[in-house]
């Protein structure tokens, strides 16, 4: 049986969904499943954001990571010759 959602989890869900962050990342952040995140968002009246309209990992990273770390990500992506979004995906994939 799942535990009840806290007001803090609801606040994180509202904030991240408003930023365009997809359910899988929100779920990882708050320790829930993506299905639970979508169901809770629906119950709270938070609209579903289709995959094509969600903001990129690069946008999420730029907002939520301090500037020094973001600069390190940018330099590493340039060194590898890839986009920041791909680097972030490669770094996060083992965690998700």
PDB file of N, CA and C in Angstrom:
ATOM      1  N   UNK A   1       0.840  -1.195   0.000  1.00  0.00           N
ATOM      2  CA  UNK A   1       0.000   0.000   0.000  1.00  0.00           C
ATOM      3  C   UNK A   1       0.875   1.243   0.000  1.00  0.00           C
ATOM      4  N   UNK A   2       0.479   2.226  -0.774  1.00  0.00           N
ATOM      5  CA  UNK A   2       1.268   3.449  -0.858  1.00  0.00           C
ATOM      6  C   UNK A   2       0.953   4.372   0.314  1.00  0.00           C
ATOM      7  N   UNK A   3       1.909   5.235   0.606  1.00  0.00           N
ATOM      8  CA  UNK A   3       1.681   6.200   1.675  1.00  0.00           C
ATOM      9  C   UNK A   3       1.035   7.462   1.102  1.00  0.00           C
ATOM     10  N   UNK A   4       0.373   8.196   1.973  1.00  0.00           N
ATOM     11  CA  UNK A   4      -0.344   9.402   1.546  1.00  0.00           C
ATOM     12  C   UNK A   4       0.634  10.465   1.053  1.00  0.00           C
ATOM     13  N   UNK A   5       0.194  11.257   0.105  1.00  0.00           N
ATOM     14  CA  UNK A   5       1.010  12.343  -0.417  1.00  0.00           C
ATOM     15  C   UNK A   5       1.094  13.457   0.620  1.00  0.00           C
ATOM     16  N   UNK A   6       2.269  14.015   0.776  1.00  0.00           N
ATOM     17  CA  UNK A   6       2.452  15.124   1.709  1.00  0.00           C
ATOM     18  C   UNK A   6       2.256  16.447   0.960  1.00  0.00           C
ATOM     19  N   UNK A   7       2.078  17.507   1.720  1.00  0.00           N
ATOM     20  CA  UNK A   7       1.947  18.822   1.094  1.00  0.00           C
ATOM     21  C   UNK A   7       3.254  19.219   0.407  1.00  0.00           C
ATOM     22  N   UNK A   8       4.387  18.762   0.954  1.00  0.00           N
ATOM     23  CA  UNK A   8       5.681  19.050   0.330  1.00  0.00           C
ATOM     24  C   UNK A   8       5.790  18.357  -1.034  1.00  0.00           C
ATOM     25  N   UNK A   9       5.361  17.080  -1.106  1.00  0.00           N
ATOM     26  CA  UNK A   9       5.385  16.361  -2.378  1.00  0.00           C
ATOM     27  C   UNK A   9       4.466  17.028  -3.400  1.00  0.00           C
ATOM     28  N   UNK A  10       3.294  17.449  -2.944  1.00  0.00           N
ATOM     29  CA  UNK A  10       2.370  18.155  -3.842  1.00  0.00           C
ATOM     30  C   UNK A  10       3.000  19.441  -4.367  1.00  0.00           C
ATOM     31  N   UNK A  11       3.707  20.168  -3.491  1.00  0.00           N
ATOM     32  CA  UNK A  11       4.345  21.418  -3.895  1.00  0.00           C
ATOM     33  C   UNK A  11       5.443  21.161  -4.931  1.00  0.00           C
ATOM     34  N   UNK A  12       6.243  20.118  -4.709  1.00  0.00           N
ATOM     35  CA  UNK A  12       7.297  19.764  -5.662  1.00  0.00           C
ATOM     36  C   UNK A  12       6.669  19.377  -6.995  1.00  0.00           C
ATOM     37  N   UNK A  13       5.612  18.567  -6.940  1.00  0.00           N
ATOM     38  CA  UNK A  13       4.915  18.161  -8.160  1.00  0.00           C
ATOM     39  C   UNK A  13       4.403  19.380  -8.928  1.00  0.00           C
ATOM     40  N   UNK A  14       3.725  20.282  -8.240  1.00  0.00           N
ATOM     41  CA  UNK A  14       3.195  21.482  -8.893  1.00  0.00           C
ATOM     42  C   UNK A  14       4.314  22.316  -9.516  1.00  0.00           C
ATOM     43  N   UNK A  15       5.389  22.522  -8.763  1.00  0.00           N
ATOM     44  CA  UNK A  15       6.491  23.350  -9.238  1.00  0.00           C
ATOM     45  C   UNK A  15       7.174  22.738 -10.460  1.00  0.00           C
ATOM     46  N   UNK A  16       7.533  21.464 -10.368  1.00  0.00           N
ATOM     47  CA  UNK A  16       8.253  20.832 -11.464  1.00  0.00           C
ATOM     48  C   UNK A  16       7.376  20.663 -12.700  1.00  0.00           C
ATOM     49  N   UNK A  17       6.106  20.322 -12.508  1.00  0.00           N
ATOM     50  CA  UNK A  17       5.214  20.180 -13.661  1.00  0.00           C
ATOM     51  C   UNK A  17       5.038  21.527 -14.344  1.00  0.00           C
ATOM     52  N   UNK A  18       4.974  22.615 -13.562  1.00  0.00           N
ATOM     53  CA  UNK A  18       4.857  23.955 -14.139  1.00  0.00           C
ATOM     54  C   UNK A  18       6.110  24.320 -14.942  1.00  0.00           C
ATOM     55  N   UNK A  19       7.247  23.742 -14.570  1.00  0.00           N
ATOM     56  CA  UNK A  19       8.496  23.975 -15.292  1.00  0.00           C
ATOM     57  C   UNK A  19       8.611  23.107 -16.542  1.00  0.00           C
ATOM     58  N   UNK A  20       7.661  22.175 -16.706  1.00  0.00           N
ATOM     59  CA  UNK A  20       7.688  21.316 -17.879  1.00  0.00           C
ATOM     60  C   UNK A  20       8.479  20.032 -17.685  1.00  0.00           C
ATOM     61  N   UNK A  21       8.795  19.712 -16.442  1.00  0.00           N
ATOM     62  CA  UNK A  21       9.571  18.501 -16.154  1.00  0.00           C
ATOM     63  C   UNK A  21       8.652  17.285 -16.292  1.00  0.00           C
ATOM     64  N   UNK A  22       9.151  16.243 -16.938  1.00  0.00           N
ATOM     65  CA  UNK A  22       8.319  15.089 -17.190  1.00  0.00           C
ATOM     66  C   UNK A  22       8.194  14.191 -15.960  1.00  0.00           C
ATOM     67  N   UNK A  23       7.193  13.354 -15.976  1.00  0.00           N
ATOM     68  CA  UNK A  23       6.803  12.556 -14.814  1.00  0.00           C
ATOM     69  C   UNK A  23       7.905  11.660 -14.273  1.00  0.00           C
ATOM     70  N   UNK A  24       8.714  11.092 -15.157  1.00  0.00           N
ATOM     71  CA  UNK A  24       9.758  10.172 -14.707  1.00  0.00           C
ATOM     72  C   UNK A  24      10.777  10.878 -13.804  1.00  0.00           C
ATOM     73  N   UNK A  25      11.160  12.105 -14.160  1.00  0.00           N
ATOM     74  CA  UNK A  25      12.099  12.857 -13.322  1.00  0.00           C
ATOM     75  C   UNK A  25      11.454  13.310 -12.019  1.00  0.00           C
ATOM     76  N   UNK A  26      10.201  13.738 -12.092  1.00  0.00           N
ATOM     77  CA  UNK A  26       9.489  14.137 -10.874  1.00  0.00           C
ATOM     78  C   UNK A  26       9.380  12.935  -9.944  1.00  0.00           C
ATOM     79  N   UNK A  27       9.028  11.789 -10.497  1.00  0.00           N
ATOM     80  CA  UNK A  27       8.883  10.572  -9.701  1.00  0.00           C
ATOM     81  C   UNK A  27      10.192  10.217  -9.007  1.00  0.00           C
ATOM     82  N   UNK A  28      11.287  10.318  -9.729  1.00  0.00           N
ATOM     83  CA  UNK A  28      12.590  10.006  -9.142  1.00  0.00           C
ATOM     84  C   UNK A  28      12.894  10.970  -7.994  1.00  0.00           C
ATOM     85  N   UNK A  29      12.590  12.241  -8.193  1.00  0.00           N
ATOM     86  CA  UNK A  29      12.885  13.255  -7.186  1.00  0.00           C
ATOM     87  C   UNK A  29      12.107  13.037  -5.886  1.00  0.00           C
ATOM     88  N   UNK A  30      10.848  12.602  -5.998  1.00  0.00           N
ATOM     89  CA  UNK A  30      10.028  12.470  -4.783  1.00  0.00           C
ATOM     90  C   UNK A  30       9.816  11.025  -4.338  1.00  0.00           C
ATOM     91  N   UNK A  31      10.419  10.071  -5.047  1.00  0.00           N
ATOM     92  CA  UNK A  31      10.328   8.675  -4.617  1.00  0.00           C
ATOM     93  C   UNK A  31       8.992   8.015  -4.908  1.00  0.00           C
ATOM     94  N   UNK A  32       8.404   8.368  -6.023  1.00  0.00           N
ATOM     95  CA  UNK A  32       7.129   7.778  -6.457  1.00  0.00           C
ATOM     96  C   UNK A  32       7.304   7.207  -7.863  1.00  0.00           C
ATOM     97  N   UNK A  33       6.295   6.519  -8.352  1.00  0.00           N
ATOM     98  CA  UNK A  33       6.335   6.029  -9.730  1.00  0.00           C
ATOM     99  C   UNK A  33       5.788   7.112 -10.662  1.00  0.00           C
ATOM    100  N   UNK A  34       6.183   7.074 -11.938  1.00  0.00           N
ATOM    101  CA  UNK A  34       5.627   8.044 -12.890  1.00  0.00           C
ATOM    102  C   UNK A  34       4.100   7.952 -12.979  1.00  0.00           C
ATOM    103  N   UNK A  35       3.567   6.748 -12.862  1.00  0.00           N
ATOM    104  CA  UNK A  35       2.109   6.572 -12.896  1.00  0.00           C
ATOM    105  C   UNK A  35       1.462   7.268 -11.699  1.00  0.00           C
ATOM    106  N   UNK A  36       2.079   7.141 -10.523  1.00  0.00           N
ATOM    107  CA  UNK A  36       1.554   7.804  -9.324  1.00  0.00           C
ATOM    108  C   UNK A  36       1.609   9.324  -9.481  1.00  0.00           C
ATOM    109  N   UNK A  37       2.683   9.815 -10.076  1.00  0.00           N
ATOM    110  CA  UNK A  37       2.825  11.257 -10.300  1.00  0.00           C
ATOM    111  C   UNK A  37       1.721  11.746 -11.229  1.00  0.00           C
ATOM    112  N   UNK A  38       1.498  11.034 -12.322  1.00  0.00           N
ATOM    113  CA  UNK A  38       0.442  11.434 -13.267  1.00  0.00           C
ATOM    114  C   UNK A  38      -0.941  11.382 -12.621  1.00  0.00           C
ATOM    115  N   UNK A  39      -1.183  10.336 -11.827  1.00  0.00           N
ATOM    116  CA  UNK A  39      -2.488  10.207 -11.162  1.00  0.00           C
ATOM    117  C   UNK A  39      -2.709  11.335 -10.159  1.00  0.00           C
ATOM    118  N   UNK A  40      -1.658  11.658  -9.387  1.00  0.00           N
ATOM    119  CA  UNK A  40      -1.787  12.725  -8.404  1.00  0.00           C
ATOM    120  C   UNK A  40      -1.986  14.076  -9.095  1.00  0.00           C
ATOM    121  N   UNK A  41      -1.238  14.307 -10.161  1.00  0.00           N
ATOM    122  CA  UNK A  41      -1.393  15.558 -10.913  1.00  0.00           C
ATOM    123  C   UNK A  41      -2.825  15.685 -11.425  1.00  0.00           C
ATOM    124  N   UNK A  42      -3.376  14.591 -11.913  1.00  0.00           N
ATOM    125  CA  UNK A  42      -4.750  14.593 -12.397  1.00  0.00           C
ATOM    126  C   UNK A  42      -5.721  14.930 -11.261  1.00  0.00           C
ATOM    127  N   UNK A  43      -5.517  14.312 -10.097  1.00  0.00           N
ATOM    128  CA  UNK A  43      -6.386  14.586  -8.943  1.00  0.00           C
ATOM    129  C   UNK A  43      -6.301  16.040  -8.492  1.00  0.00           C
ATOM    130  N   UNK A  44      -5.112  16.629  -8.636  1.00  0.00           N
ATOM    131  CA  UNK A  44      -4.918  18.029  -8.223  1.00  0.00           C
ATOM    132  C   UNK A  44      -5.325  19.024  -9.308  1.00  0.00           C
ATOM    133  N   UNK A  45      -5.708  18.496 -10.473  1.00  0.00           N
ATOM    134  CA  UNK A  45      -6.119  19.372 -11.563  1.00  0.00           C
ATOM    135  C   UNK A  45      -4.959  20.001 -12.316  1.00  0.00           C
ATOM    136  N   UNK A  46      -3.779  19.401 -12.178  1.00  0.00           N
ATOM    137  CA  UNK A  46      -2.606  19.889 -12.898  1.00  0.00           C
ATOM    138  C   UNK A  46      -2.636  19.269 -14.281  1.00  0.00           C
ATOM    139  N   UNK A  47      -2.660  20.076 -15.321  1.00  0.00           N
ATOM    140  CA  UNK A  47      -2.808  19.514 -16.663  1.00  0.00           C
ATOM    141  C   UNK A  47      -1.611  18.655 -17.076  1.00  0.00           C
ATOM    142  N   UNK A  48      -1.910  17.626 -17.848  1.00  0.00           N
ATOM    143  CA  UNK A  48      -0.875  16.761 -18.402  1.00  0.00           C
ATOM    144  C   UNK A  48      -0.141  17.533 -19.485  1.00  0.00           C
ATOM    145  N   UNK A  49       1.163  17.407 -19.523  1.00  0.00           N
ATOM    146  CA  UNK A  49       1.961  18.090 -20.535  1.00  0.00           C
ATOM    147  C   UNK A  49       2.444  17.043 -21.532  1.00  0.00           C
ATOM    148  N   UNK A  50       1.932  17.077 -22.761  1.00  0.00           N
ATOM    149  CA  UNK A  50       2.388  16.100 -23.749  1.00  0.00           C
ATOM    150  C   UNK A  50       3.903  16.187 -23.945  1.00  0.00           C
ATOM    151  N   UNK A  51       4.513  15.063 -24.225  1.00  0.00           N
ATOM    152  CA  UNK A  51       5.972  14.973 -24.364  1.00  0.00           C
ATOM    153  C   UNK A  51       6.537  16.045 -25.289  1.00  0.00           C
ATOM    154  N   UNK A  52       5.872  16.326 -26.374  1.00  0.00           N
ATOM    155  CA  UNK A  52       6.395  17.288 -27.349  1.00  0.00           C
ATOM    156  C   UNK A  52       6.340  18.725 -26.842  1.00  0.00           C
ATOM    157  N   UNK A  53       5.526  19.004 -25.823  1.00  0.00           N
ATOM    158  CA  UNK A  53       5.413  20.369 -25.316  1.00  0.00           C
ATOM    159  C   UNK A  53       6.228  20.588 -24.046  1.00  0.00           C
ATOM    160  N   UNK A  54       6.797  19.531 -23.515  1.00  0.00           N
ATOM    161  CA  UNK A  54       7.590  19.676 -22.304  1.00  0.00           C
ATOM    162  C   UNK A  54       8.904  20.370 -22.614  1.00  0.00           C
ATOM    163  N   UNK A  55       9.413  21.057 -21.638  1.00  0.00           N
ATOM    164  CA  UNK A  55      10.677  21.744 -21.828  1.00  0.00           C
ATOM    165  C   UNK A  55      11.816  20.729 -21.775  1.00  0.00           C
ATOM    166  N   UNK A  56      12.911  21.090 -22.366  1.00  0.00           N
ATOM    167  CA  UNK A  56      14.038  20.177 -22.510  1.00  0.00           C
ATOM    168  C   UNK A  56      14.793  19.979 -21.199  1.00  0.00           C
ATOM    169  N   UNK A  57      15.626  18.938 -21.194  1.00  0.00           N
ATOM    170  CA  UNK A  57      16.525  18.714 -20.064  1.00  0.00           C
ATOM    171  C   UNK A  57      17.436  19.928 -19.888  1.00  0.00           C
ATOM    172  N   UNK A  58      17.824  20.543 -20.997  1.00  0.00           N
ATOM    173  CA  UNK A  58      18.700  21.707 -20.930  1.00  0.00           C
ATOM    174  C   UNK A  58      18.009  22.833 -20.166  1.00  0.00           C
ATOM    175  N   UNK A  59      16.738  23.051 -20.435  1.00  0.00           N
ATOM    176  CA  UNK A  59      15.985  24.080 -19.719  1.00  0.00           C
ATOM    177  C   UNK A  59      15.909  23.739 -18.237  1.00  0.00           C
ATOM    178  N   UNK A  60      15.560  22.490 -17.935  1.00  0.00           N
ATOM    179  CA  UNK A  60      15.470  22.034 -16.545  1.00  0.00           C
ATOM    180  C   UNK A  60      16.810  22.223 -15.843  1.00  0.00           C
ATOM    181  N   UNK A  61      17.884  21.841 -16.501  1.00  0.00           N
ATOM    182  CA  UNK A  61      19.211  21.948 -15.922  1.00  0.00           C
ATOM    183  C   UNK A  61      19.577  23.400 -15.655  1.00  0.00           C
ATOM    184  N   UNK A  62      19.305  24.260 -16.621  1.00  0.00           N
ATOM    185  CA  UNK A  62      19.659  25.669 -16.476  1.00  0.00           C
ATOM    186  C   UNK A  62      18.937  26.313 -15.305  1.00  0.00           C
ATOM    187  N   UNK A  63      17.727  25.908 -15.042  1.00  0.00           N
ATOM    188  CA  UNK A  63      16.944  26.499 -13.962  1.00  0.00           C
ATOM    189  C   UNK A  63      17.331  25.938 -12.600  1.00  0.00           C
ATOM    190  N   UNK A  64      17.553  24.633 -12.519  1.00  0.00           N
ATOM    191  CA  UNK A  64      17.669  23.969 -11.230  1.00  0.00           C
ATOM    192  C   UNK A  64      19.092  23.639 -10.776  1.00  0.00           C
ATOM    193  N   UNK A  65      20.062  23.910 -11.575  1.00  0.00           N
ATOM    194  CA  UNK A  65      21.436  23.608 -11.201  1.00  0.00           C
ATOM    195  C   UNK A  65      22.191  24.921 -11.099  1.00  0.00           C
ATOM    196  N   UNK A  66      23.053  25.025 -10.103  1.00  0.00           N
ATOM    197  CA  UNK A  66      23.768  26.294  -9.971  1.00  0.00           C
ATOM    198  C   UNK A  66      24.623  26.560 -11.197  1.00  0.00           C
ATOM    199  N   UNK A  67      24.911  27.819 -11.410  1.00  0.00           N
ATOM    200  CA  UNK A  67      25.563  28.240 -12.649  1.00  0.00           C
ATOM    201  C   UNK A  67      26.942  27.618 -12.850  1.00  0.00           C
ATOM    202  N   UNK A  68      27.691  27.437 -11.787  1.00  0.00           N
ATOM    203  CA  UNK A  68      29.033  26.853 -11.925  1.00  0.00           C
ATOM    204  C   UNK A  68      28.945  25.415 -12.429  1.00  0.00           C
ATOM    205  N   UNK A  69      28.011  24.668 -11.878  1.00  0.00           N
ATOM    206  CA  UNK A  69      27.849  23.280 -12.316  1.00  0.00           C
ATOM    207  C   UNK A  69      27.332  23.230 -13.756  1.00  0.00           C
ATOM    208  N   UNK A  70      26.415  24.107 -14.079  1.00  0.00           N
ATOM    209  CA  UNK A  70      25.898  24.165 -15.446  1.00  0.00           C
ATOM    210  C   UNK A  70      27.035  24.462 -16.428  1.00  0.00           C
ATOM    211  N   UNK A  71      27.931  25.359 -16.031  1.00  0.00           N
ATOM    212  CA  UNK A  71      29.068  25.680 -16.895  1.00  0.00           C
ATOM    213  C   UNK A  71      29.959  24.455 -17.091  1.00  0.00           C
ATOM    214  N   UNK A  72      30.156  23.667 -16.043  1.00  0.00           N
ATOM    215  CA  UNK A  72      30.929  22.423 -16.169  1.00  0.00           C
ATOM    216  C   UNK A  72      30.238  21.456 -17.127  1.00  0.00           C
ATOM    217  N   UNK A  73      28.916  21.355 -17.029  1.00  0.00           N
ATOM    218  CA  UNK A  73      28.166  20.503 -17.957  1.00  0.00           C
ATOM    219  C   UNK A  73      28.334  20.990 -19.394  1.00  0.00           C
ATOM    220  N   UNK A  74      28.237  22.305 -19.595  1.00  0.00           N
ATOM    221  CA  UNK A  74      28.367  22.869 -20.924  1.00  0.00           C
ATOM    222  C   UNK A  74      29.740  22.564 -21.519  1.00  0.00           C
ATOM    223  N   UNK A  75      30.795  22.752 -20.691  1.00  0.00           N
ATOM    224  CA  UNK A  75      32.153  22.477 -21.175  1.00  0.00           C
ATOM    225  C   UNK A  75      32.358  21.000 -21.501  1.00  0.00           C
ATOM    226  N   UNK A  76      31.825  20.118 -20.655  1.00  0.00           N
ATOM    227  CA  UNK A  76      31.969  18.680 -20.902  1.00  0.00           C
ATOM    228  C   UNK A  76      31.229  18.269 -22.173  1.00  0.00           C
ATOM    229  N   UNK A  77      30.047  18.825 -22.375  1.00  0.00           N
ATOM    230  CA  UNK A  77      29.291  18.522 -23.591  1.00  0.00           C
ATOM    231  C   UNK A  77      30.069  19.003 -24.822  1.00  0.00           C
ATOM    232  N   UNK A  78      30.654  20.186 -24.736  1.00  0.00           N
ATOM    233  CA  UNK A  78      31.442  20.709 -25.855  1.00  0.00           C
ATOM    234  C   UNK A  78      32.668  19.830 -26.101  1.00  0.00           C
ATOM    235  N   UNK A  79      33.322  19.398 -25.022  1.00  0.00           N
ATOM    236  CA  UNK A  79      34.495  18.537 -25.155  1.00  0.00           C
ATOM    237  C   UNK A  79      34.148  17.237 -25.863  1.00  0.00           C
ATOM    238  N   UNK A  80      32.969  16.686 -25.529  1.00  0.00           N
ATOM    239  CA  UNK A  80      32.529  15.434 -26.143  1.00  0.00           C
ATOM    240  C   UNK A  80      31.903  15.644 -27.526  1.00  0.00           C
ATOM    241  N   UNK A  81      31.618  16.887 -27.850  1.00  0.00           N
ATOM    242  CA  UNK A  81      30.993  17.184 -29.134  1.00  0.00           C
ATOM    243  C   UNK A  81      29.528  16.787 -29.193  1.00  0.00           C
ATOM    244  N   UNK A  82      28.850  16.885 -28.049  1.00  0.00           N
ATOM    245  CA  UNK A  82      27.423  16.536 -27.991  1.00  0.00           C
ATOM    246  C   UNK A  82      26.661  17.692 -27.359  1.00  0.00           C
ATOM    247  N   UNK A  83      25.339  17.640 -27.475  1.00  0.00           N
ATOM    248  CA  UNK A  83      24.488  18.669 -26.870  1.00  0.00           C
ATOM    249  C   UNK A  83      24.374  18.419 -25.375  1.00  0.00           C
ATOM    250  N   UNK A  84      24.097  19.476 -24.635  1.00  0.00           N
ATOM    251  CA  UNK A  84      23.939  19.353 -23.183  1.00  0.00           C
ATOM    252  C   UNK A  84      22.807  18.389 -22.860  1.00  0.00           C
ATOM    253  N   UNK A  85      21.730  18.441 -23.634  1.00  0.00           N
ATOM    254  CA  UNK A  85      20.592  17.553 -23.351  1.00  0.00           C
ATOM    255  C   UNK A  85      21.014  16.088 -23.395  1.00  0.00           C
ATOM    256  N   UNK A  86      21.859  15.734 -24.369  1.00  0.00           N
ATOM    257  CA  UNK A  86      22.320  14.351 -24.467  1.00  0.00           C
ATOM    258  C   UNK A  86      23.222  13.992 -23.289  1.00  0.00           C
ATOM    259  N   UNK A  87      24.113  14.902 -22.899  1.00  0.00           N
ATOM    260  CA  UNK A  87      24.994  14.658 -21.760  1.00  0.00           C
ATOM    261  C   UNK A  87      24.180  14.450 -20.483  1.00  0.00           C
ATOM    262  N   UNK A  88      23.211  15.311 -20.255  1.00  0.00           N
ATOM    263  CA  UNK A  88      22.371  15.193 -19.060  1.00  0.00           C
ATOM    264  C   UNK A  88      21.629  13.858 -19.076  1.00  0.00           C
ATOM    265  N   UNK A  89      21.082  13.479 -20.226  1.00  0.00           N
ATOM    266  CA  UNK A  89      20.383  12.206 -20.362  1.00  0.00           C
ATOM    267  C   UNK A  89      21.323  11.044 -20.030  1.00  0.00           C
ATOM    268  N   UNK A  90      22.559  11.092 -20.560  1.00  0.00           N
ATOM    269  CA  UNK A  90      23.540  10.038 -20.298  1.00  0.00           C
ATOM    270  C   UNK A  90      23.893   9.964 -18.814  1.00  0.00           C
ATOM    271  N   UNK A  91      23.982  11.108 -18.168  1.00  0.00           N
ATOM    272  CA  UNK A  91      24.337  11.130 -16.743  1.00  0.00           C
ATOM    273  C   UNK A  91      23.179  10.687 -15.864  1.00  0.00           C
ATOM    274  N   UNK A  92      21.964  11.037 -16.240  1.00  0.00           N
ATOM    275  CA  UNK A  92      20.790  10.694 -15.417  1.00  0.00           C
ATOM    276  C   UNK A  92      20.270   9.284 -15.643  1.00  0.00           C
ATOM    277  N   UNK A  93      20.461   8.741 -16.818  1.00  0.00           N
ATOM    278  CA  UNK A  93      19.886   7.441 -17.172  1.00  0.00           C
ATOM    279  C   UNK A  93      20.197   6.353 -16.144  1.00  0.00           C
ATOM    280  N   UNK A  94      21.445   6.213 -15.653  1.00  0.00           N
ATOM    281  CA  UNK A  94      21.699   5.165 -14.660  1.00  0.00           C
ATOM    282  C   UNK A  94      20.943   5.369 -13.344  1.00  0.00           C
ATOM    283  N   UNK A  95      20.544   6.598 -13.078  1.00  0.00           N
ATOM    284  CA  UNK A  95      19.836   6.906 -11.828  1.00  0.00           C
ATOM    285  C   UNK A  95      18.345   6.651 -11.917  1.00  0.00           C
ATOM    286  N   UNK A  96      17.813   6.616 -13.130  1.00  0.00           N
ATOM    287  CA  UNK A  96      16.361   6.509 -13.295  1.00  0.00           C
ATOM    288  C   UNK A  96      15.924   5.127 -13.540  1.00  0.00           C
TER     289      UNK A  96
END
